[in-house]
Protein backbone atom coordinates (compact mmCIF):
# COMPACT_ATOMS: atom_id res chain seq x y z
CA MET A 1 42.00 24.00 -4.39
CA SER A 2 39.54 22.07 -2.60
CA SER A 3 39.82 18.29 -2.39
CA ASN A 4 36.44 18.00 -4.58
CA GLU A 5 38.06 20.02 -7.07
CA GLN A 6 41.70 18.36 -6.74
CA ALA A 7 39.79 14.84 -7.01
CA GLY A 8 37.80 15.97 -10.28
CA GLU A 9 41.29 17.33 -12.02
CA SER A 10 42.86 13.77 -10.88
CA ASP A 11 40.17 12.01 -12.87
CA ASP A 12 40.33 13.80 -15.82
CA TRP A 13 44.00 13.26 -15.95
CA GLY A 14 43.58 9.67 -15.02
CA ALA A 15 40.91 9.69 -17.97
CA ALA A 16 43.59 10.79 -19.98
CA VAL A 17 46.33 8.22 -19.17
CA MET A 18 43.93 5.50 -19.66
CA SER A 19 42.58 6.91 -23.12
CA ALA A 20 46.57 6.84 -24.10
CA ILE A 21 46.96 3.41 -22.55
CA HIS A 22 44.37 1.57 -23.70
CA SER A 23 44.74 2.58 -27.38
CA ASP A 24 47.05 0.75 -29.63
CA GLY A 25 46.70 3.03 -32.84
CA GLU A 26 43.93 0.66 -34.28
CA ASP A 27 40.43 -0.65 -33.89
CA ASP A 28 41.44 -3.48 -32.01
CA GLN A 29 38.19 -5.00 -30.48
CA GLU A 30 40.35 -6.83 -27.95
CA GLY A 31 42.82 -4.18 -27.38
CA ILE A 32 45.50 -4.46 -24.58
CA ASN A 33 45.80 -2.55 -21.24
CA PHE A 34 48.17 -3.32 -18.66
CA VAL A 35 46.94 -0.66 -16.26
CA SER A 36 43.15 -1.54 -15.48
CA GLY A 37 40.47 0.14 -13.81
CA GLY A 38 39.42 2.97 -16.39
CA GLY A 39 41.01 5.96 -14.75
CA GLY A 40 44.70 5.68 -13.75
CA PHE A 41 43.74 7.68 -10.67
CA GLY A 42 40.04 7.11 -10.83
CA ALA A 43 37.79 4.39 -10.55
CA ALA A 44 38.62 1.24 -8.85
CA ALA A 45 39.52 -1.50 -11.03
CA GLY A 46 36.83 -3.70 -9.65
CA ALA A 47 36.98 -7.58 -9.85
CA GLU A 48 38.50 -7.87 -13.15
CA GLY A 49 41.44 -5.57 -12.64
CA GLY A 50 44.77 -6.98 -13.52
CA GLN A 51 43.13 -10.05 -15.92
CA GLN A 52 44.07 -8.45 -19.02
CA GLU A 53 47.71 -7.31 -17.30
CA MET A 54 48.10 -10.91 -17.04
CA LYS A 55 46.52 -12.37 -20.39
CA SER A 56 49.16 -10.07 -22.10
CA VAL A 57 51.76 -11.93 -19.96
CA ALA A 58 50.53 -15.31 -21.04
CA ASP A 59 50.37 -14.17 -24.58
CA LEU A 60 53.89 -12.94 -24.61
CA GLN A 61 55.12 -16.36 -22.91
CA GLU A 62 53.27 -18.68 -25.23
CA ALA A 63 54.63 -16.91 -28.21
CA THR A 64 58.23 -17.09 -26.82
CA SER A 65 57.74 -20.50 -26.35
CA ALA A 66 56.09 -20.94 -29.63
CA ILE A 67 58.80 -19.11 -31.45
CA LYS A 68 61.63 -20.91 -29.91
CA SER A 69 60.25 -24.08 -30.90
CA ASN A 70 59.47 -22.96 -34.42
CA GLU A 71 55.35 -23.53 -34.06
CA ILE A 72 54.73 -20.09 -34.89
CA SER A 73 56.45 -17.54 -37.68
CA MET A 74 58.57 -14.72 -37.04
CA GLU A 75 55.83 -12.55 -38.15
CA GLU A 76 52.93 -14.05 -36.13
CA PHE A 77 55.58 -13.53 -32.80
CA VAL A 78 56.47 -10.26 -33.74
CA ASN A 79 52.83 -9.14 -33.88
CA VAL A 80 52.27 -10.19 -30.63
CA VAL A 81 55.38 -8.28 -29.16
CA GLN A 82 54.36 -5.49 -31.05
CA LYS A 83 50.97 -5.10 -29.69
CA VAL A 84 52.22 -5.02 -25.91
CA GLN A 85 54.82 -2.58 -27.38
CA LYS A 86 52.31 -0.09 -28.91
CA VAL A 87 50.40 0.10 -25.87
CA ALA A 88 53.59 1.32 -23.71
CA ASN A 89 54.66 3.52 -26.51
CA ASN A 90 51.22 5.31 -26.14
CA ALA A 91 51.22 5.74 -22.91
CA LEU A 92 54.55 7.11 -22.81
CA LYS A 93 53.50 10.02 -25.06
CA LEU A 94 51.58 11.20 -22.59
CA TYR A 95 54.71 11.57 -20.06
CA ALA A 96 56.40 13.75 -23.29
CA ILE A 97 53.70 16.20 -23.26
CA PRO A 98 54.65 19.25 -22.01
CA ALA A 99 51.60 20.38 -20.37
CA VAL A 100 51.54 17.09 -18.59
CA LYS A 101 54.79 17.46 -17.12
CA LYS A 102 54.20 21.05 -15.90
CA ASP A 103 50.97 20.96 -14.63
CA LEU A 104 50.19 17.11 -13.33
CA PRO A 105 52.25 16.94 -10.19
CA GLY A 106 50.42 19.57 -8.54
CA LYS A 107 47.10 18.53 -9.44
CA LEU A 108 47.94 15.40 -7.76
CA THR A 109 48.29 14.26 -4.16
CA GLU A 110 52.06 13.05 -3.09
CA LYS A 111 50.84 9.37 -3.10
CA GLN A 112 49.57 9.81 -6.50
CA ASN A 113 52.73 11.22 -7.93
CA GLU A 114 54.68 8.73 -6.61
CA LEU A 115 52.27 6.25 -8.61
CA TRP A 116 52.32 8.33 -11.57
CA ALA A 117 56.27 8.32 -11.57
CA GLY A 118 56.20 4.40 -10.97
CA LEU A 119 53.99 4.07 -13.59
CA GLU A 120 56.37 5.61 -15.93
CA THR A 121 59.32 3.73 -15.04
CA GLN A 122 57.10 0.43 -15.60
CA LEU A 123 56.41 1.84 -18.70
CA LEU A 124 60.11 2.19 -19.89
CA ARG A 125 60.72 -1.17 -18.86
CA VAL A 126 58.15 -2.86 -20.86
CA LYS A 127 59.26 -0.79 -23.88
CA GLU A 128 62.79 -1.76 -23.13
CA GLY A 129 62.07 -5.62 -22.80
CA THR A 130 59.80 -5.46 -25.83
CA GLU A 131 62.55 -3.88 -28.21
CA THR A 132 65.16 -6.63 -26.57
CA MET A 133 62.70 -9.42 -27.46
CA LEU A 134 61.87 -7.99 -31.01
CA ALA A 135 65.51 -8.21 -31.86
CA TYR A 136 65.41 -11.74 -31.74
CA ALA A 137 63.79 -11.24 -35.28
CA THR A 138 67.44 -10.53 -36.36
CA ASN A 139 69.76 -11.73 -33.89
CA HIS A 140 68.30 -15.10 -33.05
CA GLN A 141 69.93 -14.93 -29.52
CA ILE A 142 67.77 -16.93 -27.21
CA GLY A 143 69.28 -15.55 -24.33
CA GLU A 144 68.39 -11.78 -25.27
CA LEU A 145 64.84 -13.20 -26.12
CA GLU A 146 64.50 -14.56 -22.70
CA ALA A 147 65.94 -11.50 -20.74
CA GLY A 148 63.37 -9.53 -22.95
CA LEU A 149 60.43 -11.58 -21.52
CA GLU A 150 61.81 -11.18 -18.15
CA THR A 151 61.61 -7.50 -18.09
CA THR A 152 58.35 -7.13 -19.86
CA VAL A 153 56.74 -9.43 -17.52
CA GLN A 154 58.26 -7.85 -14.86
CA GLY A 155 57.39 -4.26 -16.10
CA LEU A 156 53.71 -5.70 -16.75
CA LYS A 157 53.05 -7.14 -13.33
CA ALA A 158 54.62 -4.34 -11.63
CA ALA A 159 52.25 -1.83 -13.54
CA VAL A 160 49.26 -4.35 -12.12
CA ASP A 161 50.70 -3.49 -8.80
CA ILE A 162 50.91 0.18 -9.07
CA GLN A 163 47.00 0.66 -10.56
CA LYS A 164 45.82 -1.32 -7.33
CA GLN A 165 47.95 0.93 -5.45
CA ALA A 166 46.22 4.16 -7.00
CA ASP A 167 42.72 2.37 -6.78
CA ALA A 168 43.40 2.29 -2.86
CA GLU A 169 44.64 6.05 -3.12
CA TYR A 170 41.47 6.88 -4.80
CA ALA A 171 38.91 4.83 -2.54
CA VAL A 172 40.68 6.96 0.55
CA ILE A 173 39.95 9.98 -1.40
CA MET A 174 36.66 9.30 -2.25
CA GLU A 175 35.66 8.51 1.72
CA ARG A 176 37.28 11.53 2.50
CA GLU A 177 35.38 13.44 0.15
CA LYS A 178 31.94 11.83 1.12
CA GLU A 179 33.02 12.47 4.99
CA GLU A 180 33.43 16.24 3.91
CA LYS A 181 29.84 16.51 2.18
CA ALA A 182 28.47 14.95 5.05
CA GLU A 183 29.95 17.06 7.45
CA ARG A 184 29.16 20.15 5.47
CA ALA A 185 25.19 18.92 4.85
CA ARG A 186 25.42 18.45 8.94
CA LYS A 187 26.17 21.83 9.61
CA ALA A 188 23.79 23.42 6.65
CA ALA A 189 21.28 21.37 8.42
CA GLU A 190 22.30 22.88 12.27
CA ALA A 191 22.29 26.40 10.51
CA ASN A 192 18.54 26.12 9.61
CA SER A 193 17.54 24.47 12.42
CA ALA A 194 19.63 27.37 14.49
CA SER A 195 17.78 30.38 12.58
């Protein structure tokens, strides 16, 4: 498989990943995305990469502080946490698709496979953390609430780091393709001038 075909297939999978991650199952205009960039192994994140992820972290921290001081209702708290949890759950559904499990590793570079696996680990971490946070609605254990928040925040921040690495890997692939294309054009021009 040429690097061009490989990158194209990587972009397709990246778009599928981002679609699953960005979708929370509703027509929520604001949405939540903690793996920015518009393509997991696709387009670079640009200047705004990570901002939405940090907004999600801030929202969770504010909701946790507010519920501890009774400034918001339990329903409001649960809604904030569930938004983040939905994103993680939707993205994890992609990892469960048999065709993805079977075919994707062969379509990505070794580095991309590492990032793909690392993202799954962080999504599971976010899911675990939000589940612990949501348990606060019934157990009212402040220590568990804080532990769940910490786990979730660590997962979100690690996902941002993974996306930055994915963007850098994508940039390397695109630069290599650009150089290969230029070399092919140079050879074609030499062949034409020789004939």
